[in-house]
N, C-alpha and C. Protein backbone atom coordinates (compact mmCIF):
# COMPACT_ATOMS: atom_id res chain seq x y z
N MET A 1 -12.75 -21.31 -2.17
CA MET A 1 -13.89 -21.20 -3.04
C MET A 1 -13.57 -20.19 -4.13
N ILE A 2 -13.90 -20.53 -5.34
CA ILE A 2 -13.69 -19.63 -6.47
C ILE A 2 -14.97 -18.88 -6.73
N SER A 3 -14.85 -17.57 -6.80
CA SER A 3 -16.05 -16.77 -7.05
C SER A 3 -16.41 -16.83 -8.53
N THR A 4 -17.66 -16.59 -8.82
CA THR A 4 -18.11 -16.61 -10.21
C THR A 4 -17.50 -15.48 -11.01
N ARG A 5 -17.04 -14.45 -10.33
CA ARG A 5 -16.41 -13.33 -11.03
C ARG A 5 -15.00 -13.68 -11.49
N ALA A 6 -14.37 -14.69 -10.87
CA ALA A 6 -12.99 -15.02 -11.19
C ALA A 6 -12.87 -15.87 -12.46
N VAL A 7 -13.95 -16.52 -12.86
CA VAL A 7 -13.91 -17.40 -14.03
C VAL A 7 -15.02 -16.97 -15.00
N SER A 8 -14.64 -16.87 -16.26
CA SER A 8 -15.64 -16.49 -17.26
C SER A 8 -16.48 -17.71 -17.64
N VAL A 9 -17.46 -17.49 -18.48
CA VAL A 9 -18.34 -18.58 -18.92
C VAL A 9 -17.55 -19.65 -19.65
N THR A 10 -16.50 -19.26 -20.37
CA THR A 10 -15.71 -20.22 -21.12
C THR A 10 -14.71 -20.95 -20.24
N GLY A 11 -14.61 -20.56 -18.99
CA GLY A 11 -13.68 -21.22 -18.07
C GLY A 11 -12.34 -20.53 -17.97
N ALA A 12 -12.10 -19.54 -18.80
CA ALA A 12 -10.83 -18.82 -18.75
C ALA A 12 -10.88 -17.78 -17.63
N ALA A 13 -9.77 -17.62 -16.97
CA ALA A 13 -9.70 -16.63 -15.89
C ALA A 13 -9.84 -15.23 -16.46
N THR A 14 -10.56 -14.38 -15.75
CA THR A 14 -10.70 -13.00 -16.16
C THR A 14 -9.82 -12.14 -15.28
N PRO A 15 -9.27 -11.07 -15.81
CA PRO A 15 -8.40 -10.22 -15.00
C PRO A 15 -9.17 -9.59 -13.85
N GLN A 16 -8.55 -9.55 -12.70
CA GLN A 16 -9.14 -8.94 -11.51
C GLN A 16 -8.53 -7.57 -11.31
N THR A 17 -9.31 -6.64 -10.84
CA THR A 17 -8.77 -5.32 -10.54
C THR A 17 -7.99 -5.40 -9.25
N THR A 18 -6.92 -4.64 -9.16
CA THR A 18 -6.04 -4.69 -8.00
C THR A 18 -6.31 -3.57 -7.02
N GLY A 19 -7.11 -2.60 -7.41
CA GLY A 19 -7.35 -1.47 -6.54
C GLY A 19 -6.31 -0.38 -6.70
N LEU A 20 -5.33 -0.59 -7.55
CA LEU A 20 -4.32 0.44 -7.79
C LEU A 20 -4.95 1.55 -8.62
N PRO A 21 -4.54 2.78 -8.36
CA PRO A 21 -5.19 3.91 -9.01
C PRO A 21 -4.91 4.06 -10.50
N THR A 22 -3.84 3.48 -11.00
CA THR A 22 -3.45 3.71 -12.39
C THR A 22 -2.55 2.57 -12.86
N LEU A 23 -2.20 2.57 -14.12
CA LEU A 23 -1.25 1.60 -14.64
C LEU A 23 0.17 2.16 -14.66
N LYS A 24 0.34 3.39 -14.26
CA LYS A 24 1.66 4.02 -14.24
C LYS A 24 2.43 3.53 -13.02
N LEU A 25 3.56 2.88 -13.27
CA LEU A 25 4.33 2.23 -12.20
C LEU A 25 4.74 3.19 -11.10
N ARG A 26 5.33 4.31 -11.45
CA ARG A 26 5.83 5.24 -10.44
C ARG A 26 4.70 5.77 -9.55
N GLN A 27 3.57 6.08 -10.16
CA GLN A 27 2.42 6.56 -9.38
C GLN A 27 1.89 5.48 -8.45
N ASN A 28 1.90 4.23 -8.92
CA ASN A 28 1.45 3.13 -8.08
C ASN A 28 2.39 2.91 -6.90
N ILE A 29 3.68 3.01 -7.15
CA ILE A 29 4.66 2.85 -6.07
C ILE A 29 4.44 3.91 -5.01
N GLU A 30 4.25 5.14 -5.44
CA GLU A 30 4.02 6.23 -4.49
C GLU A 30 2.73 6.01 -3.71
N TRP A 31 1.68 5.56 -4.40
CA TRP A 31 0.41 5.30 -3.73
C TRP A 31 0.57 4.20 -2.69
N VAL A 32 1.27 3.12 -3.04
CA VAL A 32 1.48 2.00 -2.11
C VAL A 32 2.31 2.46 -0.92
N GLU A 33 3.35 3.25 -1.16
CA GLU A 33 4.16 3.76 -0.05
C GLU A 33 3.32 4.62 0.89
N ARG A 34 2.56 5.56 0.34
CA ARG A 34 1.72 6.42 1.19
C ARG A 34 0.70 5.61 1.97
N GLU A 35 0.06 4.67 1.33
CA GLU A 35 -0.96 3.85 1.99
C GLU A 35 -0.34 2.98 3.08
N THR A 36 0.84 2.43 2.82
CA THR A 36 1.53 1.62 3.83
C THR A 36 1.90 2.46 5.03
N ILE A 37 2.41 3.65 4.79
CA ILE A 37 2.76 4.55 5.89
C ILE A 37 1.52 4.93 6.68
N ARG A 38 0.45 5.26 5.99
CA ARG A 38 -0.80 5.62 6.67
C ARG A 38 -1.29 4.49 7.56
N ARG A 39 -1.29 3.28 7.04
CA ARG A 39 -1.77 2.13 7.81
C ARG A 39 -0.85 1.82 8.98
N ALA A 40 0.45 1.93 8.77
CA ALA A 40 1.40 1.67 9.86
C ALA A 40 1.22 2.69 10.98
N LEU A 41 1.07 3.96 10.62
CA LEU A 41 0.86 4.99 11.64
C LEU A 41 -0.46 4.77 12.38
N GLU A 42 -1.46 4.33 11.65
CA GLU A 42 -2.75 4.05 12.28
C GLU A 42 -2.62 2.89 13.27
N ASN A 43 -1.95 1.81 12.84
CA ASN A 43 -1.77 0.65 13.71
C ASN A 43 -0.88 0.96 14.91
N ALA A 44 0.06 1.89 14.73
CA ALA A 44 0.97 2.27 15.81
C ALA A 44 0.42 3.42 16.64
N ARG A 45 -0.81 3.81 16.37
CA ARG A 45 -1.48 4.91 17.08
C ARG A 45 -0.67 6.21 17.02
N GLY A 46 -0.05 6.42 15.85
CA GLY A 46 0.68 7.67 15.62
C GLY A 46 2.10 7.69 16.15
N ILE A 47 2.54 6.61 16.77
CA ILE A 47 3.91 6.56 17.31
C ILE A 47 4.86 6.17 16.17
N LYS A 48 5.64 7.14 15.73
CA LYS A 48 6.47 6.97 14.54
C LYS A 48 7.50 5.85 14.71
N LYS A 49 8.08 5.74 15.88
CA LYS A 49 9.06 4.67 16.15
C LYS A 49 8.43 3.30 15.92
N ASP A 50 7.22 3.12 16.43
CA ASP A 50 6.52 1.85 16.27
C ASP A 50 6.08 1.62 14.82
N ALA A 51 5.66 2.68 14.15
CA ALA A 51 5.26 2.57 12.75
C ALA A 51 6.44 2.14 11.89
N ALA A 52 7.60 2.72 12.15
CA ALA A 52 8.81 2.34 11.40
C ALA A 52 9.13 0.87 11.64
N ALA A 53 9.02 0.43 12.88
CA ALA A 53 9.29 -0.97 13.20
C ALA A 53 8.31 -1.90 12.48
N LEU A 54 7.04 -1.52 12.44
CA LEU A 54 6.04 -2.32 11.73
C LEU A 54 6.38 -2.49 10.26
N MET A 55 6.94 -1.44 9.67
CA MET A 55 7.28 -1.48 8.24
C MET A 55 8.66 -2.06 7.98
N GLY A 56 9.43 -2.27 9.04
CA GLY A 56 10.77 -2.83 8.86
C GLY A 56 11.77 -1.83 8.32
N ILE A 57 11.56 -0.55 8.63
CA ILE A 57 12.48 0.49 8.19
C ILE A 57 12.94 1.29 9.41
N SER A 58 13.98 2.07 9.23
CA SER A 58 14.49 2.89 10.32
C SER A 58 13.59 4.11 10.52
N GLN A 59 13.71 4.72 11.69
CA GLN A 59 12.96 5.96 11.95
C GLN A 59 13.40 7.05 10.98
N ARG A 60 14.67 7.04 10.63
CA ARG A 60 15.18 8.03 9.69
C ARG A 60 14.53 7.85 8.31
N ALA A 61 14.40 6.59 7.88
CA ALA A 61 13.75 6.32 6.59
C ALA A 61 12.28 6.75 6.63
N LEU A 62 11.61 6.47 7.74
CA LEU A 62 10.22 6.90 7.87
C LEU A 62 10.13 8.42 7.80
N SER A 63 11.05 9.08 8.46
CA SER A 63 11.07 10.55 8.43
C SER A 63 11.22 11.06 6.99
N TYR A 64 12.08 10.41 6.23
CA TYR A 64 12.28 10.76 4.82
C TYR A 64 10.96 10.65 4.05
N TYR A 65 10.26 9.52 4.22
CA TYR A 65 9.00 9.31 3.50
C TYR A 65 7.91 10.26 3.97
N LEU A 66 7.88 10.56 5.26
CA LEU A 66 6.90 11.52 5.77
C LEU A 66 7.11 12.89 5.13
N ASN A 67 8.36 13.29 4.99
CA ASN A 67 8.67 14.56 4.33
C ASN A 67 8.38 14.49 2.83
N LYS A 68 8.75 13.39 2.20
CA LYS A 68 8.55 13.22 0.77
C LYS A 68 7.08 13.34 0.39
N TYR A 69 6.22 12.72 1.19
CA TYR A 69 4.79 12.72 0.88
C TYR A 69 4.00 13.73 1.69
N ARG A 70 4.72 14.57 2.42
CA ARG A 70 4.10 15.63 3.24
C ARG A 70 3.01 15.06 4.16
N ILE A 71 3.39 13.99 4.85
CA ILE A 71 2.50 13.37 5.83
C ILE A 71 2.97 13.81 7.20
N ASP A 72 2.03 14.18 8.05
CA ASP A 72 2.41 14.60 9.40
C ASP A 72 1.86 13.68 10.44
């Protein structure tokens, strides 16, 4: 089903917001990385080994990102 917000009166598609905080690429990448890590840790109930597996990265890589973004 197409929502009425997705199509303008003239029938042309209107841009949809993505929920990203800014148009700056680097800031968006960092935001997506932090949010992905947060969600993976939540789904893994805080078990870092499981969170890394959910994201398809090594525990070492997860450790790097946790330090980079000061996530504990």
